[in-house]
Amino acid sequence: MQPGESLSLWSLISQASLLVQLVMLVLLLASVVSWVMIVNRGIYQNRAAKLYNDFEKQFWSGIDLTQLYKQGNNRASSGILDGVENIFRAGFKEFSRLRQQSSVEPEVVMQGTERAMRVALAREEEKLEANLSFLASVASVSPYIGLFGTVWGIMSSFRGLANVHQATLATVAPGISEALVATAMGLFAAIPAVLAYNRYSARAESLLANYETFAEELSSFFHRKLHSGQA
């Protein structure tokens, strides 16, 4: 950019060096992908929280567990089940299967049931924390990528001063402004990512704690039912 030209944002980007433009493009793509993941995570975790509250109310309403299991068969076959109901179904299915085998000891029944619920719990944990590692990476790396673009742009700007007989603020300002846009874009990508990561990580931990509590309560219920001799 020559002295006296407009310092609009678009002109700063279009007149930047090729490497700085590449850095800006990487940061722009990272920002767009981050926002897509932020929206998806928000929708998914809101849905998971609602499903948890609805299912817990239904579970403790006194409904027969066999009926509750059958109610979810259609959703399970369609692959649209999420959250705590998957943990319930995994535990109930294994408990019912092992209990029908008369030769299986009660302790083995409980061990198999708890193992099935742990596997389901691990899968739900993966769903809750999906894409969070990418947000963490964007939050931590983007400022440095932007800083790299800034340093390179400033270096290029000062190298260009070698051909100028008299260096003035008007001569230096455009090149430095171009370089600083990369830092601004790095922060623009990083700040939403770090805020979203902190929020969604905390919410995932809270939901996972609720899932674990439900799994323990369900395990206690199965234990009581197994030793009471109820059908």
C-alpha atoms as a PDB file:
ATOM      1  CA  MET A   1       0.000   0.000   0.000  1.00  0.00           C
ATOM      2  CA  GLN A   2       1.303   3.436  -0.886  1.00  0.00           C
ATOM      3  CA  PRO A   3       1.236   6.403   1.540  1.00  0.00           C
ATOM      4  CA  GLY A   4      -1.964   8.363   1.320  1.00  0.00           C
ATOM      5  CA  GLU A   5      -4.128   5.424   0.227  1.00  0.00           C
ATOM      6  CA  SER A   6      -7.276   4.585   2.150  1.00  0.00           C
ATOM      7  CA  LEU A   7      -6.772   2.488   5.278  1.00  0.00           C
ATOM      8  CA  SER A   8     -10.101   0.690   5.022  1.00  0.00           C
ATOM      9  CA  LEU A   9     -10.200  -2.876   6.348  1.00  0.00           C
ATOM     10  CA  TRP A  10     -10.653  -4.406   2.909  1.00  0.00           C
ATOM     11  CA  SER A  11      -7.758  -2.438   1.440  1.00  0.00           C
ATOM     12  CA  LEU A  12      -5.531  -3.486   4.346  1.00  0.00           C
ATOM     13  CA  ILE A  13      -6.348  -7.132   3.666  1.00  0.00           C
ATOM     14  CA  SER A  14      -6.103  -6.948  -0.116  1.00  0.00           C
ATOM     15  CA  GLN A  15      -2.767  -5.078  -0.048  1.00  0.00           C
ATOM     16  CA  ALA A  16      -1.147  -7.348   2.542  1.00  0.00           C
ATOM     17  CA  SER A  17       1.617  -9.741   1.526  1.00  0.00           C
ATOM     18  CA  LEU A  18       0.702 -13.213   0.325  1.00  0.00           C
ATOM     19  CA  LEU A  19       1.851 -14.927   3.532  1.00  0.00           C
ATOM     20  CA  VAL A  20      -0.112 -12.505   5.724  1.00  0.00           C
ATOM     21  CA  GLN A  21      -3.185 -13.054   3.554  1.00  0.00           C
ATOM     22  CA  LEU A  22      -2.739 -16.807   3.976  1.00  0.00           C
ATOM     23  CA  VAL A  23      -2.574 -16.345   7.749  1.00  0.00           C
ATOM     24  CA  MET A  24      -5.767 -14.281   7.632  1.00  0.00           C
ATOM     25  CA  LEU A  25      -7.495 -16.958   5.549  1.00  0.00           C
ATOM     26  CA  VAL A  26      -6.523 -19.676   8.027  1.00  0.00           C
ATOM     27  CA  LEU A  27      -7.837 -17.587  10.912  1.00  0.00           C
ATOM     28  CA  LEU A  28     -11.053 -16.812   9.057  1.00  0.00           C
ATOM     29  CA  LEU A  29     -11.671 -20.496   8.359  1.00  0.00           C
ATOM     30  CA  ALA A  30     -10.881 -21.372  11.974  1.00  0.00           C
ATOM     31  CA  SER A  31     -13.339 -18.731  13.150  1.00  0.00           C
ATOM     32  CA  VAL A  32     -16.123 -19.936  10.836  1.00  0.00           C
ATOM     33  CA  VAL A  33     -15.663 -23.591  11.828  1.00  0.00           C
ATOM     34  CA  SER A  34     -15.532 -22.583  15.497  1.00  0.00           C
ATOM     35  CA  TRP A  35     -18.830 -20.725  15.259  1.00  0.00           C
ATOM     36  CA  VAL A  36     -20.468 -23.720  13.562  1.00  0.00           C
ATOM     37  CA  MET A  37     -19.246 -25.965  16.388  1.00  0.00           C
ATOM     38  CA  ILE A  38     -20.260 -23.435  19.035  1.00  0.00           C
ATOM     39  CA  VAL A  39     -23.824 -23.355  17.723  1.00  0.00           C
ATOM     40  CA  ASN A  40     -23.973 -27.158  17.365  1.00  0.00           C
ATOM     41  CA  ARG A  41     -22.615 -27.715  20.876  1.00  0.00           C
ATOM     42  CA  GLY A  42     -25.117 -25.267  22.323  1.00  0.00           C
ATOM     43  CA  ILE A  43     -28.033 -26.966  20.577  1.00  0.00           C
ATOM     44  CA  TYR A  44     -26.876 -30.451  21.544  1.00  0.00           C
ATOM     45  CA  GLN A  45     -26.208 -29.670  25.207  1.00  0.00           C
ATOM     46  CA  ASN A  46     -29.507 -27.808  25.566  1.00  0.00           C
ATOM     47  CA  ARG A  47     -31.271 -30.829  24.105  1.00  0.00           C
ATOM     48  CA  ALA A  48     -29.338 -33.222  26.353  1.00  0.00           C
ATOM     49  CA  ALA A  49     -30.283 -31.220  29.447  1.00  0.00           C
ATOM     50  CA  LYS A  50     -33.959 -31.191  28.447  1.00  0.00           C
ATOM     51  CA  LEU A  51     -33.938 -34.935  27.702  1.00  0.00           C
ATOM     52  CA  TYR A  52     -32.331 -35.620  31.061  1.00  0.00           C
ATOM     53  CA  ASN A  53     -34.947 -33.634  32.980  1.00  0.00           C
ATOM     54  CA  ASP A  54     -37.829 -35.183  31.037  1.00  0.00           C
ATOM     55  CA  PHE A  55     -36.561 -38.741  31.369  1.00  0.00           C
ATOM     56  CA  GLU A  56     -35.752 -38.414  35.072  1.00  0.00           C
ATOM     57  CA  LYS A  57     -39.272 -37.171  35.790  1.00  0.00           C
ATOM     58  CA  GLN A  58     -40.697 -40.084  33.839  1.00  0.00           C
ATOM     59  CA  PHE A  59     -38.400 -42.593  35.537  1.00  0.00           C
ATOM     60  CA  TRP A  60     -39.311 -41.483  39.058  1.00  0.00           C
ATOM     61  CA  SER A  61     -43.012 -41.190  38.259  1.00  0.00           C
ATOM     62  CA  GLY A  62     -43.475 -44.849  39.168  1.00  0.00           C
ATOM     63  CA  ILE A  63     -43.746 -46.131  35.615  1.00  0.00           C
ATOM     64  CA  ASP A  64     -42.950 -49.802  35.044  1.00  0.00           C
ATOM     65  CA  LEU A  65     -39.386 -50.047  33.766  1.00  0.00           C
ATOM     66  CA  THR A  66     -40.275 -52.656  31.165  1.00  0.00           C
ATOM     67  CA  GLN A  67     -42.872 -50.290  29.737  1.00  0.00           C
ATOM     68  CA  LEU A  68     -40.383 -47.427  29.874  1.00  0.00           C
ATOM     69  CA  TYR A  69     -37.863 -49.545  27.978  1.00  0.00           C
ATOM     70  CA  LYS A  70     -40.410 -50.497  25.313  1.00  0.00           C
ATOM     71  CA  GLN A  71     -41.406 -46.862  24.827  1.00  0.00           C
ATOM     72  CA  GLY A  72     -37.926 -46.102  23.587  1.00  0.00           C
ATOM     73  CA  ASN A  73     -37.649 -49.038  21.188  1.00  0.00           C
ATOM     74  CA  ASN A  74     -38.838 -47.078  18.161  1.00  0.00           C
ATOM     75  CA  ARG A  75     -36.487 -44.163  18.879  1.00  0.00           C
ATOM     76  CA  ALA A  76     -33.620 -46.565  19.516  1.00  0.00           C
ATOM     77  CA  SER A  77     -34.179 -48.380  16.227  1.00  0.00           C
ATOM     78  CA  SER A  78     -34.162 -45.026  14.437  1.00  0.00           C
ATOM     79  CA  GLY A  79     -30.914 -44.035  16.156  1.00  0.00           C
ATOM     80  CA  ILE A  80     -32.303 -40.835  17.667  1.00  0.00           C
ATOM     81  CA  LEU A  81     -31.830 -41.700  21.333  1.00  0.00           C
ATOM     82  CA  ASP A  82     -29.380 -39.564  23.287  1.00  0.00           C
ATOM     83  CA  GLY A  83     -28.359 -38.888  26.820  1.00  0.00           C
ATOM     84  CA  VAL A  84     -29.436 -40.607  29.990  1.00  0.00           C
ATOM     85  CA  GLU A  85     -31.997 -42.856  28.307  1.00  0.00           C
ATOM     86  CA  ASN A  86     -29.180 -44.679  26.516  1.00  0.00           C
ATOM     87  CA  ILE A  87     -27.601 -45.436  29.904  1.00  0.00           C
ATOM     88  CA  PHE A  88     -30.915 -46.709  31.235  1.00  0.00           C
ATOM     89  CA  ARG A  89     -31.532 -48.891  28.212  1.00  0.00           C
ATOM     90  CA  ALA A  90     -28.033 -50.378  28.292  1.00  0.00           C
ATOM     91  CA  GLY A  91     -28.342 -51.247  31.977  1.00  0.00           C
ATOM     92  CA  PHE A  92     -31.905 -52.544  31.769  1.00  0.00           C
ATOM     93  CA  LYS A  93     -31.184 -54.690  28.714  1.00  0.00           C
ATOM     94  CA  GLU A  94     -28.139 -56.335  30.286  1.00  0.00           C
ATOM     95  CA  PHE A  95     -29.878 -56.779  33.648  1.00  0.00           C
ATOM     96  CA  SER A  96     -32.876 -58.457  32.024  1.00  0.00           C
ATOM     97  CA  ARG A  97     -30.688 -60.688  29.857  1.00  0.00           C
ATOM     98  CA  LEU A  98     -28.494 -61.906  32.701  1.00  0.00           C
ATOM     99  CA  ARG A  99     -31.357 -62.285  35.137  1.00  0.00           C
ATOM    100  CA  GLN A 100     -33.137 -64.685  32.806  1.00  0.00           C
ATOM    101  CA  GLN A 101     -30.183 -67.041  33.083  1.00  0.00           C
ATOM    102  CA  SER A 102     -30.830 -69.014  36.246  1.00  0.00           C
ATOM    103  CA  SER A 103     -27.233 -70.188  36.535  1.00  0.00           C
ATOM    104  CA  VAL A 104     -25.827 -66.661  36.794  1.00  0.00           C
ATOM    105  CA  GLU A 105     -24.974 -65.444  40.290  1.00  0.00           C
ATOM    106  CA  PRO A 106     -26.485 -62.136  41.475  1.00  0.00           C
ATOM    107  CA  GLU A 107     -23.037 -60.578  41.746  1.00  0.00           C
ATOM    108  CA  VAL A 108     -22.324 -61.458  38.116  1.00  0.00           C
ATOM    109  CA  VAL A 109     -25.647 -59.940  37.084  1.00  0.00           C
ATOM    110  CA  MET A 110     -24.763 -56.672  38.824  1.00  0.00           C
ATOM    111  CA  GLN A 111     -21.248 -56.629  37.431  1.00  0.00           C
ATOM    112  CA  GLY A 112     -22.515 -57.116  33.885  1.00  0.00           C
ATOM    113  CA  THR A 113     -25.220 -54.476  34.348  1.00  0.00           C
ATOM    114  CA  GLU A 114     -22.806 -51.911  35.763  1.00  0.00           C
ATOM    115  CA  ARG A 115     -20.282 -52.628  33.025  1.00  0.00           C
ATOM    116  CA  ALA A 116     -22.930 -52.035  30.335  1.00  0.00           C
ATOM    117  CA  MET A 117     -23.896 -48.741  31.952  1.00  0.00           C
ATOM    118  CA  ARG A 118     -20.258 -47.640  32.169  1.00  0.00           C
ATOM    119  CA  VAL A 119     -19.814 -48.291  28.454  1.00  0.00           C
ATOM    120  CA  ALA A 120     -22.980 -46.295  27.653  1.00  0.00           C
ATOM    121  CA  LEU A 121     -21.814 -43.540  30.010  1.00  0.00           C
ATOM    122  CA  ALA A 122     -18.461 -43.319  28.222  1.00  0.00           C
ATOM    123  CA  ARG A 123     -20.243 -42.970  24.878  1.00  0.00           C
ATOM    124  CA  GLU A 124     -22.428 -40.181  26.192  1.00  0.00           C
ATOM    125  CA  GLU A 125     -19.341 -38.443  27.583  1.00  0.00           C
ATOM    126  CA  GLU A 126     -17.797 -38.505  24.103  1.00  0.00           C
ATOM    127  CA  LYS A 127     -20.946 -36.945  22.662  1.00  0.00           C
ATOM    128  CA  LEU A 128     -21.028 -34.195  25.284  1.00  0.00           C
ATOM    129  CA  GLU A 129     -17.361 -33.312  24.761  1.00  0.00           C
ATOM    130  CA  ALA A 130     -17.323 -33.632  20.972  1.00  0.00           C
ATOM    131  CA  ASN A 131     -15.516 -30.731  19.216  1.00  0.00           C
ATOM    132  CA  LEU A 132     -14.393 -29.181  22.504  1.00  0.00           C
ATOM    133  CA  SER A 133     -10.780 -30.115  21.797  1.00  0.00           C
ATOM    134  CA  PHE A 134     -10.969 -28.202  18.500  1.00  0.00           C
ATOM    135  CA  LEU A 135     -12.325 -25.124  20.283  1.00  0.00           C
ATOM    136  CA  ALA A 136      -9.512 -25.379  22.821  1.00  0.00           C
ATOM    137  CA  SER A 137      -6.957 -25.598  20.010  1.00  0.00           C
ATOM    138  CA  VAL A 138      -8.390 -22.558  18.228  1.00  0.00           C
ATOM    139  CA  ALA A 139      -8.465 -20.620  21.492  1.00  0.00           C
ATOM    140  CA  SER A 140      -4.825 -21.351  22.272  1.00  0.00           C
ATOM    141  CA  VAL A 141      -3.248 -21.279  18.795  1.00  0.00           C
ATOM    142  CA  SER A 142      -5.102 -18.481  16.964  1.00  0.00           C
ATOM    143  CA  PRO A 143      -3.401 -15.557  18.785  1.00  0.00           C
ATOM    144  CA  TYR A 144       0.013 -16.990  17.944  1.00  0.00           C
ATOM    145  CA  ILE A 145      -0.912 -17.520  14.297  1.00  0.00           C
ATOM    146  CA  GLY A 146      -2.123 -13.936  14.163  1.00  0.00           C
ATOM    147  CA  LEU A 147       1.045 -12.744  15.881  1.00  0.00           C
ATOM    148  CA  PHE A 148       3.153 -14.621  13.324  1.00  0.00           C
ATOM    149  CA  GLY A 149       1.318 -12.822  10.531  1.00  0.00           C
ATOM    150  CA  THR A 150       1.860  -9.504  12.295  1.00  0.00           C
ATOM    151  CA  VAL A 151       5.576 -10.057  12.812  1.00  0.00           C
ATOM    152  CA  TRP A 152       6.021 -11.105   9.195  1.00  0.00           C
ATOM    153  CA  GLY A 153       4.047  -8.107   7.962  1.00  0.00           C
ATOM    154  CA  ILE A 154       6.064  -5.679  10.061  1.00  0.00           C
ATOM    155  CA  MET A 155       9.296  -7.261   8.841  1.00  0.00           C
ATOM    156  CA  SER A 156       8.149  -6.823   5.255  1.00  0.00           C
ATOM    157  CA  SER A 157       7.155  -3.235   5.969  1.00  0.00           C
ATOM    158  CA  PHE A 158      10.567  -2.351   7.403  1.00  0.00           C
ATOM    159  CA  ARG A 159      12.339  -4.100   4.547  1.00  0.00           C
ATOM    160  CA  GLY A 160      10.376  -1.875   2.194  1.00  0.00           C
ATOM    161  CA  LEU A 161      11.732   1.202   3.971  1.00  0.00           C
ATOM    162  CA  ALA A 162      15.164   0.411   2.571  1.00  0.00           C
ATOM    163  CA  ASN A 163      13.999   1.847  -0.751  1.00  0.00           C
ATOM    164  CA  VAL A 164      12.592   5.007   0.822  1.00  0.00           C
ATOM    165  CA  HIS A 165      14.895   8.005   1.259  1.00  0.00           C
ATOM    166  CA  GLN A 166      12.900   9.541   4.091  1.00  0.00           C
ATOM    167  CA  ALA A 167      10.817   7.396   6.481  1.00  0.00           C
ATOM    168  CA  THR A 168       7.688   9.116   7.830  1.00  0.00           C
ATOM    169  CA  LEU A 169       4.650   7.945   9.752  1.00  0.00           C
ATOM    170  CA  ALA A 170       2.647   8.019   6.537  1.00  0.00           C
ATOM    171  CA  THR A 171       5.170   5.656   4.995  1.00  0.00           C
ATOM    172  CA  VAL A 172       5.223   3.135   7.848  1.00  0.00           C
ATOM    173  CA  ALA A 173       1.577   3.236   8.959  1.00  0.00           C
ATOM    174  CA  PRO A 174      -0.025   1.316   6.073  1.00  0.00           C
ATOM    175  CA  GLY A 175       2.334  -1.659   6.329  1.00  0.00           C
ATOM    176  CA  ILE A 176       2.036  -1.885  10.109  1.00  0.00           C
ATOM    177  CA  SER A 177      -1.751  -1.545   9.889  1.00  0.00           C
ATOM    178  CA  GLU A 178      -1.883  -4.451   7.428  1.00  0.00           C
ATOM    179  CA  ALA A 179       0.170  -6.568   9.810  1.00  0.00           C
ATOM    180  CA  LEU A 180      -1.927  -5.713  12.863  1.00  0.00           C
ATOM    181  CA  VAL A 181      -5.081  -6.928  11.097  1.00  0.00           C
ATOM    182  CA  ALA A 182      -3.687 -10.471  11.462  1.00  0.00           C
ATOM    183  CA  THR A 183      -3.429 -10.055  15.231  1.00  0.00           C
ATOM    184  CA  ALA A 184      -6.974  -8.694  15.376  1.00  0.00           C
ATOM    185  CA  MET A 185      -8.261 -11.675  13.399  1.00  0.00           C
ATOM    186  CA  GLY A 186      -6.381 -14.052  15.688  1.00  0.00           C
ATOM    187  CA  LEU A 187      -8.115 -12.536  18.717  1.00  0.00           C
ATOM    188  CA  PHE A 188     -11.436 -12.537  16.867  1.00  0.00           C
ATOM    189  CA  ALA A 189     -11.094 -16.290  16.370  1.00  0.00           C
ATOM    190  CA  ALA A 190      -9.691 -17.054  19.834  1.00  0.00           C
ATOM    191  CA  ILE A 191     -11.997 -15.110  22.162  1.00  0.00           C
ATOM    192  CA  PRO A 192     -15.317 -16.789  21.208  1.00  0.00           C
ATOM    193  CA  ALA A 193     -13.588 -20.175  21.135  1.00  0.00           C
ATOM    194  CA  VAL A 194     -12.182 -19.869  24.657  1.00  0.00           C
ATOM    195  CA  LEU A 195     -15.468 -18.562  26.061  1.00  0.00           C
ATOM    196  CA  ALA A 196     -17.417 -21.367  24.402  1.00  0.00           C
ATOM    197  CA  TYR A 197     -14.896 -23.993  25.516  1.00  0.00           C
ATOM    198  CA  ASN A 198     -15.107 -22.901  29.156  1.00  0.00           C
ATOM    199  CA  ARG A 199     -18.898 -22.784  29.106  1.00  0.00           C
ATOM    200  CA  TYR A 200     -19.463 -26.067  27.310  1.00  0.00           C
ATOM    201  CA  SER A 201     -16.786 -27.920  29.269  1.00  0.00           C
ATOM    202  CA  ALA A 202     -18.424 -26.897  32.540  1.00  0.00           C
ATOM    203  CA  ARG A 203     -21.853 -27.828  31.248  1.00  0.00           C
ATOM    204  CA  ALA A 204     -20.610 -31.186  29.953  1.00  0.00           C
ATOM    205  CA  GLU A 205     -19.125 -31.957  33.374  1.00  0.00           C
ATOM    206  CA  SER A 206     -22.409 -31.027  35.045  1.00  0.00           C
ATOM    207  CA  LEU A 207     -24.469 -33.246  32.729  1.00  0.00           C
ATOM    208  CA  LEU A 208     -21.983 -36.074  33.070  1.00  0.00           C
ATOM    209  CA  ALA A 209     -22.213 -35.831  36.868  1.00  0.00           C
ATOM    210  CA  ASN A 210     -26.005 -36.097  36.548  1.00  0.00           C
ATOM    211  CA  TYR A 211     -25.611 -39.162  34.311  1.00  0.00           C
ATOM    212  CA  GLU A 212     -23.264 -40.797  36.815  1.00  0.00           C
ATOM    213  CA  THR A 213     -25.667 -40.107  39.673  1.00  0.00           C
ATOM    214  CA  PHE A 214     -28.531 -41.620  37.682  1.00  0.00           C
ATOM    215  CA  ALA A 215     -26.423 -44.690  36.831  1.00  0.00           C
ATOM    216  CA  GLU A 216     -25.631 -45.201  40.526  1.00  0.00           C
ATOM    217  CA  GLU A 217     -29.294 -44.825  41.489  1.00  0.00           C
ATOM    218  CA  LEU A 218     -30.310 -47.250  38.751  1.00  0.00           C
ATOM    219  CA  SER A 219     -27.657 -49.716  39.899  1.00  0.00           C
ATOM    220  CA  SER A 220     -29.007 -49.515  43.458  1.00  0.00           C
ATOM    221  CA  PHE A 221     -32.528 -50.080  42.149  1.00  0.00           C
ATOM    222  CA  PHE A 222     -31.429 -53.180  40.220  1.00  0.00           C
ATOM    223  CA  HIS A 223     -29.552 -54.446  43.273  1.00  0.00           C
ATOM    224  CA  ARG A 224     -32.630 -54.134  45.476  1.00  0.00           C
ATOM    225  CA  LYS A 225     -34.831 -55.751  42.835  1.00  0.00           C
ATOM    226  CA  LEU A 226     -32.383 -58.608  42.344  1.00  0.00           C
ATOM    227  CA  HIS A 227     -32.182 -59.454  46.036  1.00  0.00           C
ATOM    228  CA  SER A 228     -35.857 -58.939  46.755  1.00  0.00           C
ATOM    229  CA  GLY A 229     -36.830 -61.776  44.424  1.00  0.00           C
ATOM    230  CA  GLN A 230     -39.347 -59.637  42.563  1.00  0.00           C
ATOM    231  CA  ALA A 231     -40.308 -60.674  39.053  1.00  0.00           C
END
